[in-house]
N, C-alpha and C. Protein backbone atom coordinates (compact mmCIF):
# COMPACT_ATOMS: atom_id res chain seq x y z
N UNK A 1 9.92 24.33 6.13
CA UNK A 1 8.59 24.68 5.51
C UNK A 1 7.35 23.60 5.60
N UNK A 2 7.00 22.81 6.86
CA UNK A 2 6.27 22.06 7.12
C UNK A 2 4.65 22.68 7.04
N UNK A 3 3.45 22.11 7.16
CA UNK A 3 2.20 22.96 7.12
C UNK A 3 1.73 23.13 5.79
N UNK A 4 0.73 24.56 5.82
CA UNK A 4 0.13 24.29 4.97
C UNK A 4 1.18 25.15 3.33
N UNK A 5 2.44 25.72 4.08
CA UNK A 5 3.16 26.45 3.21
C UNK A 5 3.75 24.77 1.95
N UNK A 6 3.65 23.77 2.61
CA UNK A 6 3.90 22.79 1.75
C UNK A 6 3.33 22.47 1.00
N UNK A 7 1.99 22.64 0.94
CA UNK A 7 0.90 21.98 0.23
C UNK A 7 0.59 23.59 -0.62
N UNK A 8 0.82 24.43 -0.22
CA UNK A 8 0.64 25.97 -1.13
C UNK A 8 1.91 25.51 -2.35
N UNK A 9 3.42 25.61 -1.94
CA UNK A 9 4.29 25.25 -2.75
C UNK A 9 3.75 24.43 -3.76
N UNK A 10 3.28 23.39 -3.45
CA UNK A 10 2.95 22.40 -4.71
C UNK A 10 1.89 22.19 -5.76
N UNK A 11 1.08 23.49 -5.01
CA UNK A 11 -0.17 23.95 -5.86
C UNK A 11 0.23 24.93 -6.66
N UNK A 12 0.81 25.79 -6.18
CA UNK A 12 0.99 27.27 -7.03
C UNK A 12 2.90 27.35 -7.25
N UNK A 13 2.92 27.38 -8.64
CA UNK A 13 4.46 27.14 -8.82
C UNK A 13 5.38 28.19 -8.63
N UNK A 14 4.49 29.75 -8.35
CA UNK A 14 5.08 31.21 -8.25
C UNK A 14 6.00 30.66 -6.64
N UNK A 15 5.41 30.30 -5.93
CA UNK A 15 5.66 30.26 -4.65
C UNK A 15 6.62 28.88 -4.14
N UNK A 16 6.75 28.32 -5.11
CA UNK A 16 7.90 26.97 -4.89
C UNK A 16 8.73 27.79 -5.26
N UNK A 17 8.83 28.60 -6.63
CA UNK A 17 9.97 28.92 -7.25
C UNK A 17 10.67 30.08 -6.17
N UNK A 18 9.70 31.01 -5.54
CA UNK A 18 10.36 32.13 -4.48
C UNK A 18 11.11 31.59 -3.43
N UNK A 19 10.18 30.52 -2.91
CA UNK A 19 11.08 29.53 -1.58
C UNK A 19 12.55 28.96 -2.06
N UNK A 20 12.23 28.75 -3.31
CA UNK A 20 13.68 28.03 -3.93
C UNK A 20 14.55 29.30 -3.71
N UNK A 21 13.99 30.46 -4.17
CA UNK A 21 15.19 31.49 -4.51
C UNK A 21 15.69 31.78 -3.04
N UNK A 22 14.64 31.83 -1.95
CA UNK A 22 15.07 32.13 -1.01
C UNK A 22 16.00 31.55 0.19
N UNK A 23 15.70 30.01 0.21
CA UNK A 23 16.28 29.49 0.97
C UNK A 23 18.08 29.21 0.69
N UNK A 24 18.41 29.21 -0.32
CA UNK A 24 19.99 29.31 -0.19
C UNK A 24 20.34 30.65 0.38
N UNK A 25 19.80 31.79 0.80
CA UNK A 25 20.33 32.63 1.04
C UNK A 25 20.68 33.10 2.46
N UNK A 26 20.17 32.08 3.64
CA UNK A 26 20.34 31.62 4.64
C UNK A 26 22.03 30.82 4.97
N UNK A 27 22.41 30.44 4.15
CA UNK A 27 24.14 30.13 3.54
C UNK A 27 24.93 30.74 2.98
N UNK A 28 24.59 31.89 2.47
CA UNK A 28 25.28 32.64 1.72
C UNK A 28 25.40 32.80 0.73
N UNK A 29 23.88 32.68 -0.41
CA UNK A 29 23.49 32.31 -1.87
C UNK A 29 23.71 30.73 -2.39
N UNK A 30 23.49 30.88 -3.66
CA UNK A 30 22.62 29.41 -4.49
C UNK A 30 24.42 28.95 -4.58
N UNK A 31 25.26 29.72 -5.00
CA UNK A 31 26.49 29.09 -4.94
C UNK A 31 27.28 27.98 -3.91
N UNK A 32 27.16 28.85 -2.83
CA UNK A 32 27.49 27.99 -1.67
C UNK A 32 26.93 27.16 -1.57
N UNK A 33 25.52 26.88 -1.60
CA UNK A 33 24.66 25.94 -1.30
C UNK A 33 24.50 24.78 -1.86
N UNK A 34 24.91 25.25 -3.60
CA UNK A 34 25.09 23.96 -4.58
C UNK A 34 26.59 23.41 -3.52
N UNK A 35 27.19 24.03 -3.17
CA UNK A 35 28.80 23.33 -2.77
C UNK A 35 28.68 22.82 -1.70
N UNK A 36 27.55 23.47 -0.39
CA UNK A 36 27.82 22.59 0.54
C UNK A 36 27.05 21.08 0.72
N UNK A 37 26.13 20.70 -0.63
CA UNK A 37 26.20 19.25 -0.82
C UNK A 37 27.17 18.31 -1.39
N UNK A 38 28.12 19.16 -1.87
CA UNK A 38 29.31 18.30 -1.80
C UNK A 38 30.57 18.26 -0.63
N UNK A 39 30.50 18.90 -0.21
CA UNK A 39 31.32 19.26 1.09
C UNK A 39 31.87 18.11 1.83
N UNK A 40 33.18 17.45 1.69
CA UNK A 40 33.37 16.31 2.33
C UNK A 40 33.24 15.00 1.51
N UNK A 41 32.61 14.99 0.62
CA UNK A 41 32.14 14.11 -0.60
C UNK A 41 33.68 13.83 -1.44
N UNK A 42 34.20 12.48 -1.36
CA UNK A 42 34.96 11.99 -1.76
C UNK A 42 34.75 11.50 -3.24
N UNK A 43 35.15 11.36 -4.14
CA UNK A 43 34.50 11.15 -5.58
C UNK A 43 36.01 10.86 -6.20
N UNK A 44 36.33 9.13 -6.43
CA UNK A 44 37.27 8.88 -7.43
C UNK A 44 37.01 8.62 -8.70
N UNK A 45 37.92 8.23 -9.92
CA UNK A 45 38.10 7.95 -10.94
C UNK A 45 37.19 6.51 -11.30
N UNK A 46 36.74 5.96 -10.34
CA UNK A 46 36.11 4.67 -10.18
C UNK A 46 34.80 4.79 -9.42
N UNK A 47 34.39 6.05 -8.81
CA UNK A 47 33.27 5.94 -7.85
C UNK A 47 32.56 6.07 -9.39
N UNK A 48 31.17 5.37 -8.91
CA UNK A 48 29.94 5.74 -9.48
C UNK A 48 29.07 6.34 -9.15
N UNK A 49 28.42 7.23 -10.26
CA UNK A 49 27.43 8.29 -9.90
C UNK A 49 26.42 8.04 -10.75
N UNK A 50 25.26 8.50 -9.79
CA UNK A 50 23.91 8.63 -11.13
C UNK A 50 23.34 9.97 -11.13
N UNK A 51 23.52 10.67 -11.88
CA UNK A 51 23.19 11.72 -12.19
C UNK A 51 21.69 12.13 -13.08
């Protein structure tokens, strides 16, 4: 999303929202998109996490 779409998405909230909803479709949906970020990540009881 380089070029003018990036500028427009910062300027127009509706465009940003549309792109955010469409992006996860390429990997199988929003739930899978969120799981991909955690895939292969090991978190132990003493791991510090910034949320």
